[in-house]
Amino acid sequence: MKGMFVAGLFMLLGAVFVQASEEPVVIGDVEMPAVESSMAFKQVEKKLGKWEGKMTQGLTGAVIDVAYEWRVTSGGNTITETLVEDGVEMLTTYSDKNGELVVQHYCALGTEPIFRVSSVSESELSLALDESASDLHADHESFVTSMQWAMQGSDGDSMLFTNTVMLDGQMTKNTALLTRVK
């Protein structure tokens, strides 16, 4: 009986959360315009919460601890990703512009690459460097060139993350298996 009560409470709270996210955003007396999110933005929303795992660096084979947290901000218009790789914190933002997902990564390499969607499906999102928006040069800068997330399992609580990085003129690929912790 107690278990049914707790399950019912969680269902009610989940319904309240869903309803609250569908209500208009109001600041003072001004109602913000409704947001129409792209399929890619909705794919990022599936990652909301905290994730942890291990990343294997392609260049050296080192295995490091990683943690990611995705949060909605700006009245539902932007998702921020705070990522920590081996104790080093970075930030990535996700927002739609003219119906297309635009991603900017503030990297520990000292660069700020901008990405566009290269493919999206119900379980996968792939991003590629937007060279027209990112003035980065492999001959004298290191930067992330692509990112991909593939949701795994039926519960959506694990995913495979891969990225490619131009590091000192050499392309390398990193892979992490992540599990939702919150």
C-alpha atoms as a PDB file:
ATOM      1  CA  MET A   1       0.000   0.000   0.000  1.00  0.00           C
ATOM      2  CA  LYS A   2       2.805   2.410   0.946  1.00  0.00           C
ATOM      3  CA  GLY A   3       4.545   1.637  -2.358  1.00  0.00           C
ATOM      4  CA  MET A   4       1.370   2.437  -4.307  1.00  0.00           C
ATOM      5  CA  PHE A   5       1.026   5.750  -2.436  1.00  0.00           C
ATOM      6  CA  VAL A   6       4.637   6.701  -3.220  1.00  0.00           C
ATOM      7  CA  ALA A   7       4.230   5.695  -6.881  1.00  0.00           C
ATOM      8  CA  GLY A   8       1.025   7.764  -7.103  1.00  0.00           C
ATOM      9  CA  LEU A   9       2.754  10.752  -5.529  1.00  0.00           C
ATOM     10  CA  PHE A  10       5.584  10.566  -8.077  1.00  0.00           C
ATOM     11  CA  MET A  11       3.060  10.341 -10.921  1.00  0.00           C
ATOM     12  CA  LEU A  12       1.221  13.397  -9.584  1.00  0.00           C
ATOM     13  CA  LEU A  13       4.445  15.369  -9.200  1.00  0.00           C
ATOM     14  CA  GLY A  14       5.480  14.358 -12.722  1.00  0.00           C
ATOM     15  CA  ALA A  15       2.143  15.582 -14.071  1.00  0.00           C
ATOM     16  CA  VAL A  16       2.542  18.893 -12.224  1.00  0.00           C
ATOM     17  CA  PHE A  17       6.062  19.308 -13.664  1.00  0.00           C
ATOM     18  CA  VAL A  18       4.839  18.617 -17.201  1.00  0.00           C
ATOM     19  CA  GLN A  19       1.916  21.031 -16.756  1.00  0.00           C
ATOM     20  CA  ALA A  20       4.215  23.734 -15.337  1.00  0.00           C
ATOM     21  CA  SER A  21       6.539  23.497 -18.332  1.00  0.00           C
ATOM     22  CA  GLU A  22       3.590  24.028 -20.706  1.00  0.00           C
ATOM     23  CA  GLU A  23       2.441  27.209 -18.963  1.00  0.00           C
ATOM     24  CA  PRO A  24       3.526  30.530 -20.473  1.00  0.00           C
ATOM     25  CA  VAL A  25       6.616  32.194 -19.067  1.00  0.00           C
ATOM     26  CA  VAL A  26       5.784  35.542 -17.482  1.00  0.00           C
ATOM     27  CA  ILE A  27       8.312  38.111 -16.277  1.00  0.00           C
ATOM     28  CA  GLY A  28       6.621  40.878 -14.320  1.00  0.00           C
ATOM     29  CA  ASP A  29       3.495  41.611 -16.348  1.00  0.00           C
ATOM     30  CA  VAL A  30       4.970  40.556 -19.679  1.00  0.00           C
ATOM     31  CA  GLU A  31       4.177  37.136 -21.128  1.00  0.00           C
ATOM     32  CA  MET A  32       7.052  35.748 -23.152  1.00  0.00           C
ATOM     33  CA  PRO A  33       6.246  34.395 -26.612  1.00  0.00           C
ATOM     34  CA  ALA A  34       5.664  30.653 -26.897  1.00  0.00           C
ATOM     35  CA  VAL A  35       8.723  28.660 -27.923  1.00  0.00           C
ATOM     36  CA  GLU A  36       8.584  26.175 -30.806  1.00  0.00           C
ATOM     37  CA  SER A  37      11.495  23.773 -30.300  1.00  0.00           C
ATOM     38  CA  SER A  38      13.283  21.884 -33.069  1.00  0.00           C
ATOM     39  CA  MET A  39      13.500  18.087 -33.061  1.00  0.00           C
ATOM     40  CA  ALA A  40      17.198  18.414 -32.172  1.00  0.00           C
ATOM     41  CA  PHE A  41      16.406  20.648 -29.160  1.00  0.00           C
ATOM     42  CA  LYS A  42      13.845  18.066 -28.010  1.00  0.00           C
ATOM     43  CA  GLN A  43      16.543  15.394 -28.312  1.00  0.00           C
ATOM     44  CA  VAL A  44      18.790  17.446 -25.986  1.00  0.00           C
ATOM     45  CA  GLU A  45      15.883  17.759 -23.528  1.00  0.00           C
ATOM     46  CA  LYS A  46      16.003  13.962 -23.097  1.00  0.00           C
ATOM     47  CA  LYS A  47      19.392  14.416 -21.429  1.00  0.00           C
ATOM     48  CA  LEU A  48      18.150  16.783 -18.698  1.00  0.00           C
ATOM     49  CA  GLY A  49      19.613  15.819 -15.344  1.00  0.00           C
ATOM     50  CA  LYS A  50      22.941  14.546 -14.102  1.00  0.00           C
ATOM     51  CA  TRP A  51      25.035  11.890 -15.820  1.00  0.00           C
ATOM     52  CA  GLU A  52      28.347  10.239 -14.907  1.00  0.00           C
ATOM     53  CA  GLY A  53      30.724   7.836 -16.541  1.00  0.00           C
ATOM     54  CA  LYS A  54      34.184   7.113 -17.858  1.00  0.00           C
ATOM     55  CA  MET A  55      35.736   8.573 -20.984  1.00  0.00           C
ATOM     56  CA  THR A  56      38.455   6.882 -22.990  1.00  0.00           C
ATOM     57  CA  GLN A  57      40.751   9.376 -24.665  1.00  0.00           C
ATOM     58  CA  GLY A  58      41.598   8.289 -28.184  1.00  0.00           C
ATOM     59  CA  LEU A  59      44.992   9.954 -28.272  1.00  0.00           C
ATOM     60  CA  THR A  60      46.461   8.266 -25.192  1.00  0.00           C
ATOM     61  CA  GLY A  61      43.986   5.553 -24.193  1.00  0.00           C
ATOM     62  CA  ALA A  62      43.673   7.133 -20.733  1.00  0.00           C
ATOM     63  CA  VAL A  63      40.359   6.519 -18.963  1.00  0.00           C
ATOM     64  CA  ILE A  64      39.051   9.522 -17.016  1.00  0.00           C
ATOM     65  CA  ASP A  65      36.038  10.330 -14.851  1.00  0.00           C
ATOM     66  CA  VAL A  66      33.384  12.523 -16.472  1.00  0.00           C
ATOM     67  CA  ALA A  67      30.192  14.156 -15.214  1.00  0.00           C
ATOM     68  CA  TYR A  68      27.576  16.081 -17.177  1.00  0.00           C
ATOM     69  CA  GLU A  69      24.551  18.094 -16.098  1.00  0.00           C
ATOM     70  CA  TRP A  70      21.940  19.429 -18.517  1.00  0.00           C
ATOM     71  CA  ARG A  71      19.537  22.170 -17.298  1.00  0.00           C
ATOM     72  CA  VAL A  72      16.818  24.258 -18.944  1.00  0.00           C
ATOM     73  CA  THR A  73      17.179  28.035 -18.564  1.00  0.00           C
ATOM     74  CA  SER A  74      15.973  31.280 -20.168  1.00  0.00           C
ATOM     75  CA  GLY A  75      12.296  30.410 -19.929  1.00  0.00           C
ATOM     76  CA  GLY A  76      12.806  27.115 -21.759  1.00  0.00           C
ATOM     77  CA  ASN A  77      14.726  28.641 -24.677  1.00  0.00           C
ATOM     78  CA  THR A  78      18.192  27.353 -23.788  1.00  0.00           C
ATOM     79  CA  ILE A  79      19.738  24.244 -22.308  1.00  0.00           C
ATOM     80  CA  THR A  80      23.076  24.501 -20.548  1.00  0.00           C
ATOM     81  CA  GLU A  81      25.424  21.577 -20.202  1.00  0.00           C
ATOM     82  CA  THR A  82      28.045  21.745 -17.498  1.00  0.00           C
ATOM     83  CA  LEU A  83      30.633  19.053 -18.096  1.00  0.00           C
ATOM     84  CA  VAL A  84      33.559  18.022 -15.972  1.00  0.00           C
ATOM     85  CA  GLU A  85      36.280  15.920 -17.540  1.00  0.00           C
ATOM     86  CA  ASP A  86      38.963  14.721 -15.133  1.00  0.00           C
ATOM     87  CA  GLY A  87      38.173  17.618 -12.771  1.00  0.00           C
ATOM     88  CA  VAL A  88      38.152  20.340 -15.471  1.00  0.00           C
ATOM     89  CA  GLU A  89      34.805  22.123 -15.893  1.00  0.00           C
ATOM     90  CA  MET A  90      33.478  23.355 -19.239  1.00  0.00           C
ATOM     91  CA  LEU A  91      30.157  24.722 -20.533  1.00  0.00           C
ATOM     92  CA  THR A  92      28.044  24.105 -23.624  1.00  0.00           C
ATOM     93  CA  THR A  93      24.839  25.942 -24.601  1.00  0.00           C
ATOM     94  CA  TYR A  94      22.015  24.650 -26.814  1.00  0.00           C
ATOM     95  CA  SER A  95      19.365  26.952 -28.304  1.00  0.00           C
ATOM     96  CA  ASP A  96      17.278  27.198 -31.434  1.00  0.00           C
ATOM     97  CA  LYS A  97      17.844  29.987 -33.922  1.00  0.00           C
ATOM     98  CA  ASN A  98      15.437  30.258 -36.855  1.00  0.00           C
ATOM     99  CA  GLY A  99      14.220  26.701 -36.174  1.00  0.00           C
ATOM    100  CA  GLU A 100      17.715  25.170 -36.108  1.00  0.00           C
ATOM    101  CA  LEU A 101      19.696  24.013 -33.074  1.00  0.00           C
ATOM    102  CA  VAL A 102      22.845  26.058 -32.485  1.00  0.00           C
ATOM    103  CA  VAL A 103      25.409  24.740 -30.026  1.00  0.00           C
ATOM    104  CA  GLN A 104      28.360  26.642 -28.581  1.00  0.00           C
ATOM    105  CA  HIS A 105      31.021  24.896 -26.509  1.00  0.00           C
ATOM    106  CA  TYR A 106      33.249  26.860 -24.129  1.00  0.00           C
ATOM    107  CA  CYS A 107      36.239  24.534 -24.074  1.00  0.00           C
ATOM    108  CA  ALA A 108      39.194  24.062 -21.744  1.00  0.00           C
ATOM    109  CA  LEU A 109      41.305  24.145 -24.917  1.00  0.00           C
ATOM    110  CA  GLY A 110      40.642  27.903 -24.966  1.00  0.00           C
ATOM    111  CA  THR A 111      38.396  27.821 -28.029  1.00  0.00           C
ATOM    112  CA  GLU A 112      34.639  28.311 -28.452  1.00  0.00           C
ATOM    113  CA  PRO A 113      33.494  26.185 -31.405  1.00  0.00           C
ATOM    114  CA  ILE A 114      29.944  26.525 -32.715  1.00  0.00           C
ATOM    115  CA  PHE A 115      28.100  23.464 -34.011  1.00  0.00           C
ATOM    116  CA  ARG A 116      25.121  22.703 -36.236  1.00  0.00           C
ATOM    117  CA  VAL A 117      23.101  19.494 -36.410  1.00  0.00           C
ATOM    118  CA  SER A 118      24.435  16.960 -38.891  1.00  0.00           C
ATOM    119  CA  SER A 119      21.792  14.326 -38.043  1.00  0.00           C
ATOM    120  CA  VAL A 120      19.011  13.738 -35.528  1.00  0.00           C
ATOM    121  CA  SER A 121      16.702  10.810 -34.804  1.00  0.00           C
ATOM    122  CA  GLU A 122      14.581   9.632 -31.872  1.00  0.00           C
ATOM    123  CA  SER A 123      17.664   8.147 -30.171  1.00  0.00           C
ATOM    124  CA  GLU A 124      20.648  10.011 -31.605  1.00  0.00           C
ATOM    125  CA  LEU A 125      21.991  13.514 -32.110  1.00  0.00           C
ATOM    126  CA  SER A 126      25.119  14.327 -34.118  1.00  0.00           C
ATOM    127  CA  LEU A 127      26.734  17.757 -34.331  1.00  0.00           C
ATOM    128  CA  ALA A 128      29.436  19.008 -36.663  1.00  0.00           C
ATOM    129  CA  LEU A 129      31.606  22.107 -36.455  1.00  0.00           C
ATOM    130  CA  ASP A 130      29.972  25.065 -38.193  1.00  0.00           C
ATOM    131  CA  GLU A 131      33.049  26.361 -40.000  1.00  0.00           C
ATOM    132  CA  SER A 132      31.216  29.470 -41.218  1.00  0.00           C
ATOM    133  CA  ALA A 133      30.499  30.498 -37.599  1.00  0.00           C
ATOM    134  CA  SER A 134      33.743  29.237 -36.017  1.00  0.00           C
ATOM    135  CA  ASP A 135      36.986  30.913 -37.043  1.00  0.00           C
ATOM    136  CA  LEU A 136      39.244  28.047 -35.931  1.00  0.00           C
ATOM    137  CA  HIS A 137      42.423  26.855 -37.629  1.00  0.00           C
ATOM    138  CA  ALA A 138      43.940  23.400 -37.103  1.00  0.00           C
ATOM    139  CA  ASP A 139      47.447  24.674 -37.824  1.00  0.00           C
ATOM    140  CA  HIS A 140      47.555  26.746 -34.609  1.00  0.00           C
ATOM    141  CA  GLU A 141      44.450  25.915 -32.503  1.00  0.00           C
ATOM    142  CA  SER A 142      42.993  22.859 -30.794  1.00  0.00           C
ATOM    143  CA  PHE A 143      39.195  22.443 -30.795  1.00  0.00           C
ATOM    144  CA  VAL A 144      36.297  19.992 -30.753  1.00  0.00           C
ATOM    145  CA  THR A 145      35.119  19.207 -34.300  1.00  0.00           C
ATOM    146  CA  SER A 146      32.098  16.956 -33.679  1.00  0.00           C
ATOM    147  CA  MET A 147      29.904  15.505 -30.930  1.00  0.00           C
ATOM    148  CA  GLN A 148      27.436  12.631 -30.937  1.00  0.00           C
ATOM    149  CA  TRP A 149      25.076  11.189 -28.334  1.00  0.00           C
ATOM    150  CA  ALA A 150      23.306   7.864 -28.777  1.00  0.00           C
ATOM    151  CA  MET A 151      20.695   7.004 -26.152  1.00  0.00           C
ATOM    152  CA  GLN A 152      20.876   3.363 -25.124  1.00  0.00           C
ATOM    153  CA  GLY A 153      18.491   0.969 -23.461  1.00  0.00           C
ATOM    154  CA  SER A 154      14.723   1.168 -23.192  1.00  0.00           C
ATOM    155  CA  ASP A 155      14.757   3.358 -20.073  1.00  0.00           C
ATOM    156  CA  GLY A 156      16.802   6.233 -21.573  1.00  0.00           C
ATOM    157  CA  ASP A 157      19.145   6.208 -18.593  1.00  0.00           C
ATOM    158  CA  SER A 158      22.365   5.439 -20.466  1.00  0.00           C
ATOM    159  CA  MET A 159      24.029   6.909 -23.519  1.00  0.00           C
ATOM    160  CA  LEU A 160      27.170   6.693 -25.561  1.00  0.00           C
ATOM    161  CA  PHE A 161      28.935  10.010 -26.150  1.00  0.00           C
ATOM    162  CA  THR A 162      31.698  10.450 -28.708  1.00  0.00           C
ATOM    163  CA  ASN A 163      33.546  13.508 -29.875  1.00  0.00           C
ATOM    164  CA  THR A 164      36.368  14.287 -32.218  1.00  0.00           C
ATOM    165  CA  VAL A 165      39.002  16.833 -31.308  1.00  0.00           C
ATOM    166  CA  MET A 166      41.654  18.517 -33.421  1.00  0.00           C
ATOM    167  CA  LEU A 167      44.520  18.448 -30.906  1.00  0.00           C
ATOM    168  CA  ASP A 168      47.813  20.008 -31.932  1.00  0.00           C
ATOM    169  CA  GLY A 169      47.049  19.321 -35.589  1.00  0.00           C
ATOM    170  CA  GLN A 170      46.063  15.688 -34.992  1.00  0.00           C
ATOM    171  CA  MET A 171      42.463  14.409 -35.087  1.00  0.00           C
ATOM    172  CA  THR A 172      41.535  12.233 -32.111  1.00  0.00           C
ATOM    173  CA  LYS A 173      38.294  10.572 -30.973  1.00  0.00           C
ATOM    174  CA  ASN A 174      37.068  10.254 -27.378  1.00  0.00           C
ATOM    175  CA  THR A 175      34.296   7.930 -26.193  1.00  0.00           C
ATOM    176  CA  ALA A 176      32.304   7.899 -22.947  1.00  0.00           C
ATOM    177  CA  LEU A 177      29.571   5.633 -21.622  1.00  0.00           C
ATOM    178  CA  LEU A 178      27.289   7.717 -19.402  1.00  0.00           C
ATOM    179  CA  THR A 179      24.619   6.718 -16.895  1.00  0.00           C
ATOM    180  CA  ARG A 180      21.899   9.006 -15.554  1.00  0.00           C
ATOM    181  CA  VAL A 181      22.365   9.517 -11.804  1.00  0.00           C
ATOM    182  CA  LYS A 182      19.609  12.084 -11.212  1.00  0.00           C
END
